[in-house]
Amino acid sequence: MGLINKLWGTLRRPHQKFALGLLLGVGFLGGVIFFLVFHFTMNATNSMDICISCHEMEGVYEEYKESKHYSSPSGVRATCSDCHVPNGKTFGDYIDKFLAKLTIGSKDIFHHMIGTYPTREAFEKDRWHLAQNVLKDMRARDSKECRHCHSFEAMDMEEQDKSAARKHKRVMESADKTCVDCHTGIAHKEPKEPESEKGKAEEKPAESSGAAK
């Protein structure tokens, strides 16, 4: 009985060390639970079902299904997040992924909710500008998402078309270009440049491609 009373007294008026240990234990457990929920949410929002759940993506999804990124002889499929969400194993890559979901993802949801593109025609009208924003982000990361699957080191140049092999070797040596400078319209059709935008590139100095120097 005395032991029970002593235990009850400790719980009612915990010793300083016991209270600190309890606080640390609860904090640690809470941190683990938060990380697991956060990690699950990050992975869940990478799914293709989430990406194509908005009507704005219906057209681009149909285009994607006709591409080699969707169906290939090797059976390897690159999903939306493989190309449009920062990938990598470093802490910096993980932060980039979180920020991309926080900013780009939130912006996409916002425009979906306010009905910026109520029809496919409205989406197509602005599609070229949207594509330029995506390409700008990809260049800024030196096409890191492309390189997550395709690397110069793993390429068998002898099996490539002579022109492709020559260009790849030149880029490997000079690093003056990045993947999306040459490879566009792979998973989706390349939007037509509006007449109002033609000639603007020549009117201002060429911007850096974002390739690693």
Protein backbone atom coordinates (compact mmCIF):
# COMPACT_ATOMS: atom_id res chain seq x y z
CA MET A 1 0.00 0.00 0.00
CA GLY A 2 2.87 2.31 0.85
CA LEU A 3 4.43 1.69 -2.58
CA ILE A 4 1.18 2.63 -4.31
CA ASN A 5 0.90 5.80 -2.28
CA LYS A 6 4.49 6.69 -3.10
CA LEU A 7 3.90 6.12 -6.83
CA TRP A 8 0.72 8.17 -6.72
CA GLY A 9 2.56 10.95 -4.93
CA THR A 10 5.29 10.92 -7.58
CA LEU A 11 2.72 11.20 -10.36
CA ARG A 12 0.94 14.06 -8.58
CA ARG A 13 4.17 15.89 -7.75
CA PRO A 14 6.76 14.48 -10.17
CA HIS A 15 10.45 14.83 -9.45
CA GLN A 16 12.20 17.35 -11.67
CA LYS A 17 14.25 14.70 -13.50
CA PHE A 18 11.21 12.48 -13.97
CA ALA A 19 9.19 15.39 -15.35
CA LEU A 20 11.99 16.31 -17.75
CA GLY A 21 12.33 12.70 -18.93
CA LEU A 22 8.59 12.44 -19.45
CA LEU A 23 8.57 15.68 -21.41
CA LEU A 24 11.45 14.53 -23.61
CA GLY A 25 9.80 11.16 -24.18
CA VAL A 26 6.49 12.70 -25.19
CA GLY A 27 8.30 15.19 -27.42
CA PHE A 28 10.28 12.42 -29.11
CA LEU A 29 7.17 10.31 -29.67
CA GLY A 30 5.32 13.34 -31.04
CA GLY A 31 8.23 14.07 -33.39
CA VAL A 32 8.25 10.50 -34.71
CA ILE A 33 4.49 10.57 -35.31
CA PHE A 34 4.74 13.97 -37.04
CA PHE A 35 7.57 12.73 -39.29
CA LEU A 36 5.67 9.57 -40.26
CA VAL A 37 2.51 11.53 -41.09
CA PHE A 38 4.53 14.15 -42.98
CA HIS A 39 6.46 11.51 -44.93
CA PHE A 40 3.26 9.61 -45.79
CA THR A 41 1.60 12.84 -46.96
CA MET A 42 4.58 13.77 -49.13
CA ASN A 43 4.54 10.35 -50.81
CA ALA A 44 0.75 10.24 -51.14
CA THR A 45 0.66 13.60 -52.92
CA ASN A 46 3.24 12.27 -55.40
CA SER A 47 0.76 9.75 -56.78
CA MET A 48 -0.50 10.09 -60.33
CA ASP A 49 -4.10 9.81 -59.13
CA ILE A 50 -3.65 13.00 -57.13
CA CYS A 51 -1.97 14.80 -60.03
CA ILE A 52 -4.68 14.03 -62.58
CA SER A 53 -7.64 14.51 -60.23
CA CYS A 54 -8.20 18.10 -61.44
CA HIS A 55 -9.97 18.67 -64.76
CA GLU A 56 -7.15 20.95 -65.94
CA MET A 57 -4.92 17.88 -66.28
CA GLU A 58 -7.25 15.80 -68.45
CA GLY A 59 -5.72 16.93 -71.75
CA VAL A 60 -2.07 16.71 -70.72
CA TYR A 61 -2.72 13.30 -69.16
CA GLU A 62 -4.08 11.97 -72.46
CA GLU A 63 -0.95 13.26 -74.21
CA TYR A 64 1.27 11.69 -71.57
CA LYS A 65 -0.38 8.28 -72.11
CA GLU A 66 0.80 8.39 -75.73
CA SER A 67 4.42 9.02 -74.73
CA LYS A 68 7.33 6.70 -73.98
CA HIS A 69 7.38 8.02 -70.45
CA TYR A 70 4.06 6.24 -69.93
CA SER A 71 4.66 3.06 -71.91
CA SER A 72 8.08 1.78 -72.96
CA PRO A 73 9.69 -1.49 -74.10
CA SER A 74 11.55 -1.75 -70.79
CA GLY A 75 8.37 -1.33 -68.74
CA VAL A 76 9.76 1.65 -66.83
CA ARG A 77 7.23 4.44 -66.31
CA ALA A 78 8.03 8.01 -65.33
CA THR A 79 5.09 9.49 -63.44
CA CYS A 80 4.16 13.15 -63.01
CA SER A 81 6.18 13.61 -59.83
CA ASP A 82 9.30 12.07 -61.39
CA CYS A 83 9.53 15.06 -63.73
CA HIS A 84 7.69 17.85 -61.92
CA VAL A 85 8.74 17.36 -58.29
CA PRO A 86 12.38 17.72 -57.15
CA ASN A 87 13.97 14.32 -56.60
CA GLY A 88 17.12 13.28 -54.82
CA LYS A 89 18.41 11.76 -51.61
CA THR A 90 20.09 14.72 -49.95
CA PHE A 91 18.54 16.89 -47.26
CA GLY A 92 18.65 19.82 -49.67
CA ASP A 93 16.66 17.83 -52.24
CA TYR A 94 14.09 16.98 -49.59
CA ILE A 95 13.74 20.66 -48.70
CA ASP A 96 13.36 21.52 -52.41
CA LYS A 97 10.59 18.92 -52.68
CA PHE A 98 8.80 20.33 -49.64
CA LEU A 99 9.06 23.91 -50.93
CA ALA A 100 7.85 22.87 -54.39
CA LYS A 101 4.78 21.21 -52.91
CA LEU A 102 4.18 24.16 -50.61
CA THR A 103 4.46 26.83 -53.31
CA ILE A 104 3.68 25.29 -56.70
CA GLY A 105 1.18 22.78 -55.33
CA SER A 106 -0.65 25.42 -53.31
CA LYS A 107 -0.75 27.74 -56.32
CA ASP A 108 -2.20 24.99 -58.54
CA ILE A 109 -4.88 24.20 -55.96
CA PHE A 110 -5.71 27.90 -55.61
CA HIS A 111 -6.20 28.38 -59.37
CA HIS A 112 -8.27 25.20 -59.52
CA MET A 113 -10.54 26.42 -56.72
CA ILE A 114 -11.13 29.88 -58.20
CA GLY A 115 -11.68 28.44 -61.67
CA THR A 116 -8.85 30.12 -63.56
CA TYR A 117 -9.08 27.48 -66.30
CA PRO A 118 -12.72 26.34 -66.38
CA THR A 119 -12.36 24.73 -69.82
CA ARG A 120 -9.66 22.99 -71.80
CA GLU A 121 -9.74 25.87 -74.28
CA ALA A 122 -8.94 28.35 -71.50
CA PHE A 123 -6.05 26.16 -70.35
CA GLU A 124 -4.67 25.79 -73.88
CA LYS A 125 -4.82 29.55 -74.40
CA ASP A 126 -2.36 30.10 -71.56
CA ARG A 127 -0.48 26.84 -71.92
CA TRP A 128 2.64 28.23 -73.61
CA HIS A 129 3.28 30.62 -70.71
CA LEU A 130 2.66 27.84 -68.19
CA ALA A 131 5.14 25.63 -70.04
CA GLN A 132 7.77 28.37 -69.99
CA ASN A 133 7.46 28.60 -66.20
CA VAL A 134 7.99 24.85 -65.89
CA LEU A 135 11.00 24.92 -68.23
CA LYS A 136 12.47 27.85 -66.31
CA ASP A 137 12.30 25.85 -63.07
CA MET A 138 13.82 22.79 -64.77
CA ARG A 139 16.70 24.85 -66.18
CA ALA A 140 17.32 26.37 -62.76
CA ARG A 141 17.82 22.83 -61.40
CA ASP A 142 19.93 21.84 -64.45
CA SER A 143 17.27 19.27 -65.43
CA LYS A 144 18.04 17.35 -62.24
CA GLU A 145 14.79 15.40 -62.50
CA CYS A 146 15.77 14.20 -66.00
CA ARG A 147 19.19 13.18 -64.69
CA HIS A 148 17.54 11.24 -61.86
CA CYS A 149 16.78 8.55 -64.48
CA HIS A 150 19.10 9.48 -67.36
CA SER A 151 22.80 10.03 -66.72
CA PHE A 152 25.63 10.63 -69.14
CA GLU A 153 27.73 8.12 -67.21
CA ALA A 154 25.23 5.34 -67.90
CA MET A 155 24.73 6.14 -71.58
CA ASP A 156 26.07 3.75 -74.19
CA MET A 157 27.03 6.26 -76.87
CA GLU A 158 27.76 3.48 -79.36
CA GLU A 159 24.10 2.45 -79.30
CA GLN A 160 22.85 5.99 -79.87
CA ASP A 161 22.12 7.73 -83.13
CA LYS A 162 25.37 9.34 -84.34
CA SER A 163 23.92 12.84 -84.18
CA ALA A 164 22.56 12.30 -80.65
CA ALA A 165 25.84 10.79 -79.44
CA ARG A 166 27.81 13.70 -80.89
CA LYS A 167 25.57 16.27 -79.19
CA HIS A 168 25.63 14.44 -75.87
CA LYS A 169 29.42 14.27 -75.91
CA ARG A 170 29.63 17.98 -76.68
CA VAL A 171 27.30 18.86 -73.79
CA MET A 172 29.28 16.58 -71.45
CA GLU A 173 32.45 18.49 -72.30
CA SER A 174 31.08 22.04 -72.31
CA ALA A 175 28.09 21.84 -69.94
CA ASP A 176 26.62 24.85 -71.74
CA LYS A 177 23.19 23.28 -72.13
CA THR A 178 20.78 21.30 -70.03
CA CYS A 179 18.43 18.46 -71.02
CA VAL A 180 15.30 20.55 -71.61
CA ASP A 181 17.14 22.88 -73.98
CA CYS A 182 16.95 20.10 -76.56
CA HIS A 183 14.39 17.63 -75.22
CA THR A 184 10.96 19.27 -75.02
CA GLY A 185 7.60 17.88 -76.01
CA ILE A 186 8.60 14.45 -74.69
CA ALA A 187 5.66 13.63 -72.41
CA HIS A 188 3.32 16.40 -73.57
CA LYS A 189 2.87 18.16 -76.87
CA GLU A 190 4.90 21.34 -77.24
CA PRO A 191 2.55 24.34 -77.00
CA LYS A 192 2.50 26.75 -79.90
CA GLU A 193 4.24 30.02 -79.19
CA PRO A 194 1.81 32.96 -79.32
CA GLU A 195 2.42 35.53 -82.04
CA SER A 196 2.80 38.19 -79.34
CA GLU A 197 5.83 36.35 -77.92
CA LYS A 198 7.70 35.74 -81.16
CA GLY A 199 10.85 37.79 -81.55
CA LYS A 200 11.09 38.74 -77.88
CA ALA A 201 14.01 36.37 -77.32
CA GLU A 202 16.05 38.24 -79.93
CA GLU A 203 15.23 41.62 -78.39
CA LYS A 204 17.02 40.86 -75.10
CA PRO A 205 20.31 39.11 -74.18
CA ALA A 206 20.07 35.34 -74.02
CA GLU A 207 19.55 34.05 -70.49
CA SER A 208 21.68 31.34 -68.95
CA SER A 209 20.35 27.86 -69.61
CA GLY A 210 20.89 26.97 -65.96
CA ALA A 211 23.37 24.23 -66.83
CA ALA A 212 26.11 23.51 -64.34
CA LYS A 213 29.28 25.42 -65.06
